[in-house]
Protein backbone atom coordinates (compact mmCIF):
# COMPACT_ATOMS: atom_id res chain seq x y z
CA MET A 1 -37.75 85.81 51.65
CA THR A 2 -37.19 83.37 48.76
CA ALA A 3 -36.64 79.75 49.76
CA PRO A 4 -33.34 78.25 48.40
CA PRO A 5 -33.62 75.83 45.49
CA ASP A 6 -33.98 72.10 46.18
CA PRO A 7 -30.70 70.52 45.00
CA ALA A 8 -32.65 67.42 43.82
CA GLN A 9 -34.60 69.63 41.41
CA GLY A 10 -31.50 71.05 39.76
CA PRO A 11 -30.81 74.75 38.99
CA ALA A 12 -33.79 77.01 38.53
CA GLU A 13 -35.04 77.48 34.99
CA GLY A 14 -33.04 80.14 33.12
CA ALA A 15 -30.26 80.10 35.75
CA THR A 16 -26.72 79.34 34.76
CA ALA A 17 -25.32 76.52 36.84
CA THR A 18 -22.15 77.30 38.72
CA ARG A 19 -19.51 75.00 37.17
CA ARG A 20 -16.75 73.53 39.33
CA ALA A 21 -13.55 72.33 37.92
CA ILE A 22 -14.24 68.85 36.60
CA PRO A 23 -11.66 66.11 37.54
CA GLU A 24 -10.14 64.32 34.57
CA ALA A 25 -11.50 60.94 35.64
CA SER A 26 -15.02 62.48 35.70
CA VAL A 27 -14.57 63.95 32.26
CA ALA A 28 -13.83 60.46 30.87
CA ARG A 29 -17.09 59.17 32.52
CA LEU A 30 -19.13 62.07 31.31
CA ALA A 31 -18.21 61.17 27.74
CA VAL A 32 -19.44 57.66 28.45
CA TYR A 33 -22.72 58.96 29.86
CA LEU A 34 -23.15 61.13 26.74
CA ARG A 35 -22.67 58.23 24.45
CA MET A 36 -25.32 56.16 26.37
CA LEU A 37 -27.78 59.09 26.48
CA ARG A 38 -27.51 59.31 22.61
CA GLU A 39 -28.26 55.60 22.34
CA LEU A 40 -31.26 55.94 24.71
CA ALA A 41 -32.52 58.92 22.67
CA GLU A 42 -32.31 56.87 19.50
CA GLN A 43 -34.49 54.27 21.18
CA GLY A 44 -37.10 56.86 21.96
CA ALA A 45 -36.49 57.16 25.76
CA GLU A 46 -37.18 60.56 27.27
CA THR A 47 -36.06 60.05 30.91
CA VAL A 48 -33.59 57.79 32.64
CA SER A 49 -32.96 57.24 36.39
CA SER A 50 -29.46 57.54 37.83
CA GLU A 51 -29.62 53.84 38.70
CA GLU A 52 -30.40 52.89 35.10
CA LEU A 53 -27.77 55.14 33.67
CA ALA A 54 -25.26 53.95 36.22
CA VAL A 55 -25.84 50.27 35.37
CA ALA A 56 -25.67 50.96 31.62
CA THR A 57 -22.30 52.75 31.96
CA GLY A 58 -20.75 50.48 34.59
CA VAL A 59 -20.44 52.95 37.48
CA ASN A 60 -22.27 53.16 40.83
CA PRO A 61 -25.15 55.66 41.16
CA ALA A 62 -23.47 57.81 43.73
CA LYS A 63 -20.42 58.35 41.50
CA LEU A 64 -22.71 59.14 38.55
CA ARG A 65 -24.68 61.67 40.47
CA LYS A 66 -21.47 63.33 41.70
CA ASP A 67 -20.10 63.41 38.16
CA LEU A 68 -23.23 65.09 36.84
CA SER A 69 -23.27 67.61 39.64
CA TYR A 70 -20.10 69.07 38.17
CA ILE A 71 -22.15 70.28 35.19
CA GLY A 72 -24.99 71.48 37.37
CA SER A 73 -27.38 68.62 36.69
CA TYR A 74 -29.09 66.99 39.68
CA GLY A 75 -32.17 65.41 38.17
CA THR A 76 -35.63 65.27 39.61
CA ARG A 77 -36.48 63.16 42.59
CA GLY A 78 -38.71 60.24 41.54
CA VAL A 79 -38.17 60.93 37.83
CA GLY A 80 -34.46 60.91 37.21
CA TYR A 81 -32.98 62.83 34.37
CA GLU A 82 -34.64 64.21 31.18
CA ILE A 83 -32.47 62.87 28.40
CA ALA A 84 -32.65 65.80 25.97
CA PRO A 85 -31.54 68.55 28.47
CA LEU A 86 -28.90 66.37 30.07
CA ARG A 87 -27.49 65.45 26.72
CA HIS A 88 -27.30 69.18 25.80
CA GLN A 89 -25.56 69.96 29.13
CA LEU A 90 -22.97 67.18 28.57
CA GLU A 91 -22.40 68.29 24.96
CA GLU A 92 -21.72 71.79 26.13
CA ALA A 93 -19.46 70.70 28.98
CA LEU A 94 -17.43 68.37 26.65
CA GLY A 95 -17.10 71.02 23.88
CA GLN A 96 -19.43 69.18 21.42
CA ASN A 97 -21.85 71.99 21.03
CA HIS A 98 -19.73 73.49 18.30
CA ALA A 99 -18.08 72.00 15.25
CA GLN A 100 -14.93 69.94 15.65
CA SER A 101 -12.68 69.01 12.73
CA VAL A 102 -10.10 66.19 12.91
CA ALA A 103 -6.89 65.77 10.92
CA LEU A 104 -5.23 62.31 10.83
CA VAL A 105 -1.50 62.09 10.05
CA GLY A 106 -0.22 58.65 9.06
CA VAL A 107 -2.47 56.38 7.04
CA GLY A 108 -0.50 53.15 7.34
CA ASN A 109 -2.23 50.11 8.81
CA LEU A 110 -3.54 51.70 12.00
CA GLY A 111 -4.12 55.11 10.40
CA HIS A 112 -6.01 53.62 7.48
CA ALA A 113 -8.31 51.80 9.96
CA LEU A 114 -8.90 54.97 11.92
CA ALA A 115 -9.54 56.99 8.74
CA GLY A 116 -12.12 54.39 7.65
CA TYR A 117 -13.96 54.30 10.93
CA GLY A 118 -17.34 55.97 10.53
CA GLY A 119 -17.99 56.37 14.28
CA PHE A 120 -16.00 59.57 14.56
CA ALA A 121 -18.43 61.56 12.50
CA GLY A 122 -21.36 60.06 14.33
CA THR A 123 -20.11 61.41 17.64
CA GLY A 124 -19.29 64.85 16.40
CA PHE A 125 -15.62 64.36 15.34
CA PRO A 126 -15.49 64.12 11.53
CA VAL A 127 -12.17 63.39 10.01
CA THR A 128 -11.74 66.08 7.43
CA ALA A 129 -8.06 65.84 6.52
CA LEU A 130 -5.59 62.98 5.95
CA PHE A 131 -1.84 63.24 5.66
CA ASP A 132 1.09 60.95 4.84
CA ILE A 133 4.51 61.08 3.02
CA ASP A 134 4.23 57.77 1.18
CA PRO A 135 3.88 58.51 -2.55
CA ASP A 136 1.72 55.35 -2.88
CA LEU A 137 -0.74 56.82 -0.38
CA VAL A 138 -0.70 60.53 -1.21
CA GLY A 139 -3.52 61.28 -3.59
CA ILE A 140 -5.72 58.25 -2.82
CA ARG A 141 -9.17 58.63 -1.30
CA ILE A 142 -10.24 57.16 2.00
CA ASN A 143 -13.97 57.74 2.89
CA GLY A 144 -13.97 60.39 0.19
CA ILE A 145 -11.05 62.36 1.57
CA VAL A 146 -7.94 62.79 -0.48
CA VAL A 147 -4.68 61.92 1.37
CA GLU A 148 -2.46 65.06 1.27
CA HIS A 149 1.36 65.22 1.74
CA VAL A 150 2.35 66.28 5.24
CA ARG A 151 3.89 69.48 3.92
CA GLU A 152 0.31 70.58 3.26
CA ILE A 153 -0.56 70.44 7.00
CA PRO A 154 -0.48 74.24 7.62
CA ARG A 155 -2.64 75.10 4.54
CA VAL A 156 -5.17 72.27 4.86
CA CYS A 157 -5.57 72.61 8.59
CA ALA A 158 -6.24 76.32 8.26
CA GLU A 159 -8.65 75.85 5.39
CA ARG A 160 -10.64 73.11 7.13
CA LYS A 161 -10.46 74.71 10.61
CA VAL A 162 -8.96 71.61 12.18
CA THR A 163 -9.26 71.53 15.90
CA ILE A 164 -7.95 68.12 16.75
CA GLY A 165 -5.00 66.17 15.35
CA ILE A 166 -4.49 62.43 15.44
CA ILE A 167 -0.89 61.20 15.04
CA ALA A 168 -0.58 57.56 13.86
CA THR A 169 2.93 57.75 12.39
CA PRO A 170 6.03 55.66 13.34
CA GLY A 171 7.69 56.98 16.44
CA PRO A 172 10.65 58.82 14.80
CA ALA A 173 8.27 60.94 12.68
CA ALA A 174 5.80 61.87 15.43
CA GLN A 175 7.50 64.88 16.98
CA GLY A 176 8.02 66.59 13.58
CA VAL A 177 4.42 65.98 12.73
CA CYS A 178 3.28 67.27 16.09
CA ASP A 179 5.31 70.45 15.60
CA GLN A 180 3.58 71.01 12.24
CA LEU A 181 0.15 70.61 13.74
CA VAL A 182 0.82 72.89 16.60
CA SER A 183 2.29 75.52 14.09
CA ALA A 184 -0.97 75.16 12.17
CA GLY A 185 -2.93 76.15 15.29
CA VAL A 186 -4.03 72.66 16.42
CA ARG A 187 -4.20 72.69 20.21
CA SER A 188 -5.50 69.14 20.94
CA ILE A 189 -3.70 65.98 19.82
CA LEU A 190 -4.35 62.31 20.12
CA ASN A 191 -1.11 60.49 19.89
CA PHE A 192 -0.88 56.76 18.83
CA ALA A 193 2.92 56.91 18.16
CA PRO A 194 5.07 55.17 20.78
CA VAL A 195 6.84 58.36 21.95
CA VAL A 196 6.26 61.14 24.39
CA LEU A 197 5.57 64.39 22.57
CA GLN A 198 6.98 67.74 23.63
CA VAL A 199 4.39 70.48 23.27
CA PRO A 200 3.72 73.99 24.55
CA ASP A 201 1.69 74.30 27.78
CA GLU A 202 -1.45 75.41 25.89
CA VAL A 203 -1.52 72.11 23.85
CA GLU A 204 -3.37 69.14 25.26
CA VAL A 205 -1.95 65.67 24.24
CA ARG A 206 -3.71 62.35 24.94
CA LYS A 207 -1.49 59.34 24.47
CA VAL A 208 -2.84 55.90 23.38
CA ASP A 209 -0.25 53.21 23.83
CA LEU A 210 -1.76 49.91 22.75
CA ALA A 211 1.31 47.92 23.88
CA VAL A 212 1.06 49.41 27.41
CA GLU A 213 -2.65 48.64 27.55
CA LEU A 214 -1.93 45.02 26.63
CA GLN A 215 0.77 44.79 29.30
CA ILE A 216 -1.68 46.05 31.86
CA LEU A 217 -4.22 43.38 30.84
CA ALA A 218 -1.48 40.73 31.01
CA PHE A 219 -0.81 41.90 34.58
CA HIS A 220 -4.40 41.32 35.56
CA VAL A 221 -4.43 37.92 33.85
CA ALA A 222 -1.28 36.83 35.79
CA ARG A 223 -2.73 38.26 39.08
CA ARG A 224 -5.96 36.26 38.66
CA HIS A 225 -3.91 33.15 37.87
CA LEU A 226 -1.89 33.56 41.01
CA GLU A 227 -5.09 34.15 43.11
CA ALA A 228 -6.68 31.02 41.55
CA ASN A 229 -3.61 28.99 42.33
CA ALA A 230 -3.47 30.26 45.89
CA SER A 231 -7.12 29.43 46.34
CA THR A 232 -6.72 25.96 44.99
CA GLU A 233 -3.76 25.28 47.24
CA ALA A 234 -5.66 26.53 50.25
CA ASN A 235 -8.67 24.26 49.46
CA THR A 236 -6.40 21.24 48.77
CA GLY A 237 -4.74 21.74 52.16
CA ALA A 238 -8.04 21.93 54.07
CA GLY A 239 -9.34 18.74 55.65
CA VAL A 240 -12.43 17.60 57.43
CA ASN A 241 -13.38 19.31 60.70
CA GLY A 242 -10.18 21.20 60.71
CA HIS A 243 -7.90 18.23 60.06
CA THR A 244 -5.51 18.08 57.10
CA VAL A 245 -6.01 15.29 54.57
CA ASN A 246 -2.91 13.26 53.97
CA GLY A 247 -1.83 11.78 50.61
CA THR A 248 -3.58 8.46 51.20
CA GLY A 249 -6.95 9.96 51.93
CA GLY A 250 -6.56 9.54 55.75
CA LEU A 251 -6.61 12.32 58.29
CA LEU A 252 -3.53 13.77 59.94
CA GLN A 253 -4.23 14.41 63.56
């Protein structure tokens, strides 16, 4: 009778790991782990422990190990994870083991900055198409890519096999642009416009609302301020040996 595999050793060589549905929160963390593994590989590292990877990515080791178990990776007891195989598993799980092609619609201030960002290509998401309606922008080159008119979305997206669309237009134009991208076969959209897009069920939309993110940060600033004030008031009211200090420096019995 064959002994069952040791979970700490990971799946047997040549075996296909049984994949469970990966929670969305774990998917976001897997992307962070992959980025760190790429950085470690560039530094020449070959292995990394769960503790080291957890510290580098800001999570606790138990959560990291659970996240990686969703892709069938358990590491090796006493060694940790081999970086190259784990990186390959993460790229496969996150759909980065095949070519992606990104189209950006709206090259105003935000869009122009996104179009000029070289980090997309370095992580497997090259921007291959740019679109706008402004005659002063259509025809210019950004990072070597000619800005096309939005009416060219169907043709250009088909020719360049665009898989992901980024919308950085003003709000009123976003839904129409989204409809054009969907009609062109784009099924994944990153939306920077301040609107909620209506899409078919098979289209995935991720919304990035910078104003909301700032409001969330402002909430945390205000909460820390209130906590600091409450702590100060509590300390001010405390006296010596349980007595309360009065305004003249004496003790109130």
